[in-house]
Amino acid sequence: MIGRMHLISDPAVLVTAERVVDTIIETYLGPNRTLHELVAYAHQAGLSVMAEFSEACRKDLATRATTIR
């Protein structure tokens, strides 16, 4: 998926996408967590990488939308 993104996405999108992949791999390879531990992890900015990725995508789309018009 990131390979395709290299063709058209802004560098900021690529950097945050790679962080998302790294976070997913680290989480998968890490210790099993209970539901309560997952909630605590999310509140401790463990999922902020997803918000960063979303924001980078929104900015990239906004730039493209104004360029196309």
C-alpha atoms as a PDB file:
ATOM      1  CA  MET A   1       0.000   0.000   0.000  1.00  0.00           C
ATOM      2  CA  ILE A   2       2.756   2.460   0.890  1.00  0.00           C
ATOM      3  CA  GLY A   3       4.457   1.577  -2.377  1.00  0.00           C
ATOM      4  CA  ARG A   4       1.479   2.963  -4.267  1.00  0.00           C
ATOM      5  CA  MET A   5       1.412   6.025  -2.034  1.00  0.00           C
ATOM      6  CA  HIS A   6       4.971   6.841  -3.124  1.00  0.00           C
ATOM      7  CA  LEU A   7       3.620   7.579  -6.595  1.00  0.00           C
ATOM      8  CA  ILE A   8       1.276  10.406  -5.665  1.00  0.00           C
ATOM      9  CA  SER A   9       1.326  11.226  -1.957  1.00  0.00           C
ATOM     10  CA  ASP A  10       2.965  14.135  -0.204  1.00  0.00           C
ATOM     11  CA  PRO A  11       6.168  13.267   1.732  1.00  0.00           C
ATOM     12  CA  ALA A  12       4.405  14.051   5.028  1.00  0.00           C
ATOM     13  CA  VAL A  13       1.802  11.396   4.229  1.00  0.00           C
ATOM     14  CA  LEU A  14       4.514   8.857   3.490  1.00  0.00           C
ATOM     15  CA  VAL A  15       6.379   9.553   6.730  1.00  0.00           C
ATOM     16  CA  THR A  16       3.257   9.191   8.849  1.00  0.00           C
ATOM     17  CA  ALA A  17       2.135   6.097   6.929  1.00  0.00           C
ATOM     18  CA  GLU A  18       5.460   4.454   7.682  1.00  0.00           C
ATOM     19  CA  ARG A  19       5.020   5.334  11.363  1.00  0.00           C
ATOM     20  CA  VAL A  20       1.589   3.681  11.301  1.00  0.00           C
ATOM     21  CA  VAL A  21       3.095   0.506   9.831  1.00  0.00           C
ATOM     22  CA  ASP A  22       5.880   0.537  12.432  1.00  0.00           C
ATOM     23  CA  THR A  23       3.346   1.011  15.235  1.00  0.00           C
ATOM     24  CA  ILE A  24       1.213  -1.866  13.968  1.00  0.00           C
ATOM     25  CA  ILE A  25       4.227  -4.178  13.778  1.00  0.00           C
ATOM     26  CA  GLU A  26       5.476  -3.155  17.241  1.00  0.00           C
ATOM     27  CA  THR A  27       2.008  -3.685  18.698  1.00  0.00           C
ATOM     28  CA  TYR A  28       1.623  -7.064  17.033  1.00  0.00           C
ATOM     29  CA  LEU A  29       5.015  -8.259  18.222  1.00  0.00           C
ATOM     30  CA  GLY A  30       4.584  -6.789  21.702  1.00  0.00           C
ATOM     31  CA  PRO A  31       3.017  -8.455  24.700  1.00  0.00           C
ATOM     32  CA  ASN A  32      -0.666  -9.317  24.725  1.00  0.00           C
ATOM     33  CA  ARG A  33      -2.757  -6.624  26.381  1.00  0.00           C
ATOM     34  CA  THR A  34      -6.066  -6.737  28.147  1.00  0.00           C
ATOM     35  CA  LEU A  35      -8.906  -4.501  27.026  1.00  0.00           C
ATOM     36  CA  HIS A  36      -8.172  -2.137  29.923  1.00  0.00           C
ATOM     37  CA  GLU A  37      -4.507  -1.954  28.937  1.00  0.00           C
ATOM     38  CA  LEU A  38      -5.470  -1.174  25.327  1.00  0.00           C
ATOM     39  CA  VAL A  39      -7.705   1.670  26.455  1.00  0.00           C
ATOM     40  CA  ALA A  40      -4.918   3.058  28.643  1.00  0.00           C
ATOM     41  CA  TYR A  41      -2.469   2.736  25.731  1.00  0.00           C
ATOM     42  CA  ALA A  42      -4.819   4.659  23.452  1.00  0.00           C
ATOM     43  CA  HIS A  43      -5.225   7.441  26.022  1.00  0.00           C
ATOM     44  CA  GLN A  44      -1.455   7.705  26.496  1.00  0.00           C
ATOM     45  CA  ALA A  45      -1.050   8.822  22.859  1.00  0.00           C
ATOM     46  CA  GLY A  46      -0.389   5.283  21.674  1.00  0.00           C
ATOM     47  CA  LEU A  47      -2.748   5.867  18.787  1.00  0.00           C
ATOM     48  CA  SER A  48      -1.757   9.461  18.051  1.00  0.00           C
ATOM     49  CA  VAL A  49       0.106   8.182  15.010  1.00  0.00           C
ATOM     50  CA  MET A  50      -3.272   7.488  13.390  1.00  0.00           C
ATOM     51  CA  ALA A  51      -4.402  11.067  14.039  1.00  0.00           C
ATOM     52  CA  GLU A  52      -1.127  12.362  12.554  1.00  0.00           C
ATOM     53  CA  PHE A  53      -1.627  10.194   9.462  1.00  0.00           C
ATOM     54  CA  SER A  54      -5.232  11.366   9.068  1.00  0.00           C
ATOM     55  CA  GLU A  55      -4.200  15.000   9.357  1.00  0.00           C
ATOM     56  CA  ALA A  56      -1.408  14.588   6.793  1.00  0.00           C
ATOM     57  CA  CYS A  57      -3.872  12.944   4.393  1.00  0.00           C
ATOM     58  CA  ARG A  58      -6.424  15.739   4.869  1.00  0.00           C
ATOM     59  CA  LYS A  59      -3.798  18.394   4.140  1.00  0.00           C
ATOM     60  CA  ASP A  60      -2.622  16.532   1.059  1.00  0.00           C
ATOM     61  CA  LEU A  61      -6.185  16.153  -0.218  1.00  0.00           C
ATOM     62  CA  ALA A  62      -6.945  19.816   0.449  1.00  0.00           C
ATOM     63  CA  THR A  63      -3.875  20.839  -1.534  1.00  0.00           C
ATOM     64  CA  ARG A  64      -4.876  18.603  -4.432  1.00  0.00           C
ATOM     65  CA  ALA A  65      -8.463  19.834  -4.387  1.00  0.00           C
ATOM     66  CA  THR A  66      -7.395  23.449  -4.742  1.00  0.00           C
ATOM     67  CA  THR A  67      -4.847  22.548  -7.423  1.00  0.00           C
ATOM     68  CA  ILE A  68      -7.421  20.695  -9.531  1.00  0.00           C
ATOM     69  CA  ARG A  69     -10.033  23.449  -9.370  1.00  0.00           C
END
